[in-house]
Amino acid sequence: MRRFARYLIVPVLAGLAIPAAPAAAEAMDSLAITEAAAALAPNRYLWTDRQAEGAVSVLISIPDQRAYVFRGQTLVAASAVSTGTDDRPTPTGRFTILQKKAFHRSNLYDDAPMPYMQRLTWDGVALHAGRNPGFPASHGCIRLPTAFAKKLFDITQLGATVEVTDMAYVSGMDAPVSDEGEVARVNAAAGDVLASR
C-alpha cells in the first residue's frame, strides 16, 4: 500500500506544476491536493508553497482523519491526523486558536509532551505533534505529524479558525474563514500582555 501511495502522490503532485489559466489551475490544484491527501499514509503530509492571499484556517475531518490548511479559500496543505477515540472524542464545531506554545506538557495526562501546541478549548483540546497511527487514538486532541505541526504552528496566529467536522472533505468545499480583523485584534492584545511583563 505504501508503495502504491508513493506512486500515486508523485504524479498527482507533479500535476501541480502544469501551467494553466489561473482559475482552472486553482481548481486543478485543490483537486490534486485533495486526491493526494486521500492516499496519505499515517504520519505523512503534503505542503505546497502556493502563493495565496488571506488568513490561515484549518479544517479537521474526523472521518477522513485529515487536516486541510487554507489561505483564504485556497487549499495549501493536507495531513494525516489522529483525533479522539470513541471514549474521548474530539469535539466538533468552530474553534479559534486560544494559545500557542512551541513546547507544552499536558496537565491532564501524565505531563505528556505536546510539541507545537495550539489550544482550541480551555478544557484540554489542542492541535499538537504526536503519535499518528492513522486512526482515532488521542484523548480528544488532534495529533499531527511533527514536521507538519511545526509548519502549521509557524503560519497560524491566535484567533485563527479551526473547524472540526464529522463530515468527509470534498474538493471545492468552502474553507472555514478566519476573521482577519479579529485575528489582528487578538494578536495585538496578546502582544500588549507580553510587553507588560
Protein backbone atom coordinates (compact mmCIF):
# COMPACT_ATOMS: atom_id res chain seq x y z
CA MET A 1 0.00 0.00 0.00
CA ARG A 2 2.79 2.45 0.84
CA ARG A 3 4.48 1.81 -2.48
CA PHE A 4 1.15 2.39 -4.27
CA ALA A 5 0.54 5.61 -2.32
CA ARG A 6 4.04 6.86 -3.14
CA TYR A 7 3.47 6.22 -6.85
CA LEU A 8 0.08 7.92 -6.69
CA ILE A 9 1.23 11.02 -4.80
CA VAL A 10 4.25 11.81 -7.01
CA PRO A 11 2.28 12.08 -10.29
CA VAL A 12 -0.54 13.98 -8.61
CA LEU A 13 1.88 16.47 -7.05
CA ALA A 14 3.76 16.74 -10.33
CA GLY A 15 0.47 17.86 -11.85
CA LEU A 16 0.54 20.91 -9.60
CA ALA A 17 3.32 22.36 -11.76
CA ILE A 18 1.35 22.20 -15.04
CA PRO A 19 0.71 25.76 -16.25
CA ALA A 20 -2.92 26.61 -16.99
CA ALA A 21 -5.31 29.51 -16.83
CA PRO A 22 -5.38 30.88 -13.25
CA ALA A 23 -8.96 29.81 -12.40
CA ALA A 24 -8.52 26.36 -13.95
CA ALA A 25 -5.12 25.91 -12.29
CA GLU A 26 -6.64 26.85 -8.93
CA ALA A 27 -9.37 24.21 -9.27
CA MET A 28 -6.90 21.59 -10.50
CA ASP A 29 -4.50 22.31 -7.65
CA SER A 30 -7.17 21.91 -4.96
CA LEU A 31 -8.45 18.73 -6.56
CA ALA A 32 -4.91 17.33 -6.90
CA ILE A 33 -4.14 18.13 -3.26
CA THR A 34 -7.42 16.55 -2.13
CA GLU A 35 -6.74 13.38 -4.14
CA ALA A 36 -3.16 13.14 -2.88
CA ALA A 37 -4.36 13.72 0.70
CA ALA A 38 -6.70 10.73 0.45
CA ALA A 39 -3.69 8.49 -0.25
CA LEU A 40 -1.50 9.76 2.60
CA ALA A 41 -0.11 7.11 4.93
CA PRO A 42 -0.23 7.71 8.69
CA ASN A 43 2.19 10.40 9.87
CA ARG A 44 2.53 11.87 6.35
CA TYR A 45 1.56 15.23 4.93
CA LEU A 46 1.87 17.37 1.84
CA TRP A 47 2.54 21.08 1.83
CA THR A 48 2.52 23.24 -1.27
CA ASP A 49 4.27 26.57 -1.29
CA ARG A 50 1.46 28.09 -3.32
CA GLN A 51 1.25 31.84 -3.05
CA ALA A 52 -2.23 32.59 -1.79
CA GLU A 53 -3.85 35.57 -0.12
CA GLY A 54 -5.92 35.53 3.03
CA ALA A 55 -5.88 34.40 6.61
CA VAL A 56 -4.90 30.85 7.52
CA SER A 57 -7.67 28.48 8.62
CA VAL A 58 -7.77 24.74 9.25
CA LEU A 59 -10.44 22.11 8.61
CA ILE A 60 -10.20 18.82 10.51
CA SER A 61 -12.26 15.97 9.05
CA ILE A 62 -12.78 13.26 11.66
CA PRO A 63 -13.98 10.57 9.18
CA ASP A 64 -11.06 11.35 6.82
CA GLN A 65 -8.56 11.61 9.72
CA ARG A 66 -7.13 14.57 7.81
CA ALA A 67 -6.28 18.22 8.36
CA TYR A 68 -6.74 20.63 5.46
CA VAL A 69 -4.98 24.02 5.65
CA PHE A 70 -6.25 27.03 3.71
CA ARG A 71 -5.06 30.56 2.98
CA GLY A 72 -8.29 32.37 2.25
CA GLN A 73 -10.20 29.87 0.10
CA THR A 74 -7.04 28.25 -1.32
CA LEU A 75 -6.12 24.76 -0.10
CA VAL A 76 -2.36 24.79 0.57
CA ALA A 77 -1.67 21.69 2.70
CA ALA A 78 -3.12 18.43 3.98
CA SER A 79 -2.03 15.92 6.58
CA ALA A 80 -2.97 12.63 8.16
CA VAL A 81 -4.11 13.19 11.76
CA SER A 82 -5.23 11.19 14.76
CA THR A 83 -8.31 12.50 16.58
CA GLY A 84 -10.03 11.35 19.77
CA THR A 85 -11.25 7.83 20.46
CA ASP A 86 -14.93 6.93 20.87
CA ASP A 87 -14.43 7.13 24.65
CA ARG A 88 -12.76 10.55 24.46
CA PRO A 89 -13.96 12.10 21.21
CA THR A 90 -12.64 15.25 19.62
CA PRO A 91 -15.44 17.82 19.83
CA THR A 92 -16.85 19.11 16.56
CA GLY A 93 -17.52 22.76 15.85
CA ARG A 94 -15.79 26.00 15.03
CA PHE A 95 -12.91 26.96 17.32
CA THR A 96 -10.28 29.66 17.42
CA ILE A 97 -6.68 29.23 18.42
CA LEU A 98 -6.61 30.45 22.02
CA GLN A 99 -2.97 29.81 22.93
CA LYS A 100 0.23 28.70 21.21
CA LYS A 101 3.29 27.15 22.83
CA ALA A 102 6.19 25.61 20.92
CA PHE A 103 6.61 23.12 23.76
CA HIS A 104 3.87 22.30 26.23
CA ARG A 105 3.21 19.47 28.65
CA SER A 106 -0.27 18.19 29.41
CA ASN A 107 -1.62 19.00 32.84
CA LEU A 108 -4.31 16.33 32.34
CA TYR A 109 -2.40 13.31 31.03
CA ASP A 110 0.78 12.49 32.95
CA ASP A 111 2.78 15.51 31.81
CA ALA A 112 2.66 14.18 28.22
CA PRO A 113 4.68 16.28 25.75
CA MET A 114 2.61 18.33 23.30
CA PRO A 115 5.07 19.95 20.86
CA TYR A 116 3.76 22.85 18.74
CA MET A 117 0.59 23.03 20.83
CA GLN A 118 -2.24 25.24 19.59
CA ARG A 119 -5.06 25.28 22.15
CA LEU A 120 -8.65 25.13 20.89
CA THR A 121 -10.51 24.82 24.22
CA TRP A 122 -9.68 25.63 27.82
CA ASP A 123 -10.61 22.09 28.87
CA GLY A 124 -7.78 20.30 27.12
CA VAL A 125 -8.33 20.08 23.34
CA ALA A 126 -5.48 21.22 21.09
CA LEU A 127 -3.66 20.67 17.83
CA HIS A 128 -0.17 19.30 18.54
CA ALA A 129 2.54 16.94 17.30
CA GLY A 130 2.09 13.38 18.48
CA ARG A 131 1.71 9.70 17.65
CA ASN A 132 -0.24 9.39 14.45
CA PRO A 133 -1.26 5.76 13.75
CA GLY A 134 -3.84 6.63 11.09
CA PHE A 135 -6.93 6.16 13.24
CA PRO A 136 -8.53 7.93 16.24
CA ALA A 137 -6.19 7.31 19.20
CA SER A 138 -6.00 10.54 21.24
CA HIS A 139 -7.74 11.76 24.40
CA GLY A 140 -9.57 14.34 22.26
CA CYS A 141 -6.70 16.37 20.84
CA ILE A 142 -5.79 16.41 17.17
CA ARG A 143 -2.37 14.83 16.74
CA LEU A 144 -0.28 15.93 13.78
CA PRO A 145 2.99 14.71 12.23
CA THR A 146 5.81 16.67 13.89
CA ALA A 147 7.14 18.43 10.78
CA PHE A 148 3.59 19.39 9.74
CA ALA A 149 2.77 20.60 13.27
CA LYS A 150 5.82 22.90 13.17
CA LYS A 151 4.94 24.33 9.74
CA LEU A 152 1.35 24.91 10.83
CA PHE A 153 2.49 26.48 14.12
CA ASP A 154 4.73 28.87 12.16
CA ILE A 155 1.93 30.23 9.92
CA THR A 156 -1.06 30.42 12.28
CA GLN A 157 -1.94 33.24 14.63
CA LEU A 158 -4.02 33.46 17.77
CA GLY A 159 -7.68 33.81 16.80
CA ALA A 160 -7.33 31.76 13.59
CA THR A 161 -10.28 29.49 12.83
CA VAL A 162 -10.11 25.71 13.18
CA GLU A 163 -13.25 23.84 12.18
CA VAL A 164 -13.61 20.22 13.29
CA THR A 165 -16.28 18.32 11.38
CA ASP A 166 -17.77 14.86 11.29
CA MET A 167 -18.14 15.14 7.50
CA ALA A 168 -15.71 14.00 4.83
CA TYR A 169 -13.95 16.78 2.93
CA VAL A 170 -14.82 17.17 -0.75
CA SER A 171 -12.64 19.28 -3.04
CA GLY A 172 -14.19 22.68 -3.55
CA MET A 173 -15.90 22.88 -0.15
CA ASP A 174 -15.71 26.33 1.40
CA ALA A 175 -12.81 26.81 3.77
CA PRO A 176 -13.51 27.85 7.34
CA VAL A 177 -12.90 31.58 7.34
CA SER A 178 -10.73 33.36 9.88
CA ASP A 179 -11.88 36.92 10.60
CA GLU A 180 -8.71 38.85 9.79
CA GLY A 181 -9.77 41.81 11.95
CA GLU A 182 -10.41 39.56 14.96
CA VAL A 183 -7.09 37.74 14.43
CA ALA A 184 -5.26 41.10 14.36
CA ARG A 185 -7.09 42.31 17.49
CA VAL A 186 -6.34 39.11 19.45
CA ASN A 187 -2.66 39.17 18.48
CA ALA A 188 -2.33 42.87 19.32
CA ALA A 189 -3.87 42.21 22.75
CA ALA A 190 -1.53 39.23 23.28
CA GLY A 191 1.43 41.43 22.32
CA ASP A 192 0.32 44.08 24.83
CA VAL A 193 0.14 41.45 27.59
CA LEU A 194 3.62 40.12 26.75
CA ALA A 195 5.08 43.63 26.56
CA SER A 196 3.73 44.49 30.03
CA ARG A 197 5.54 41.55 31.66
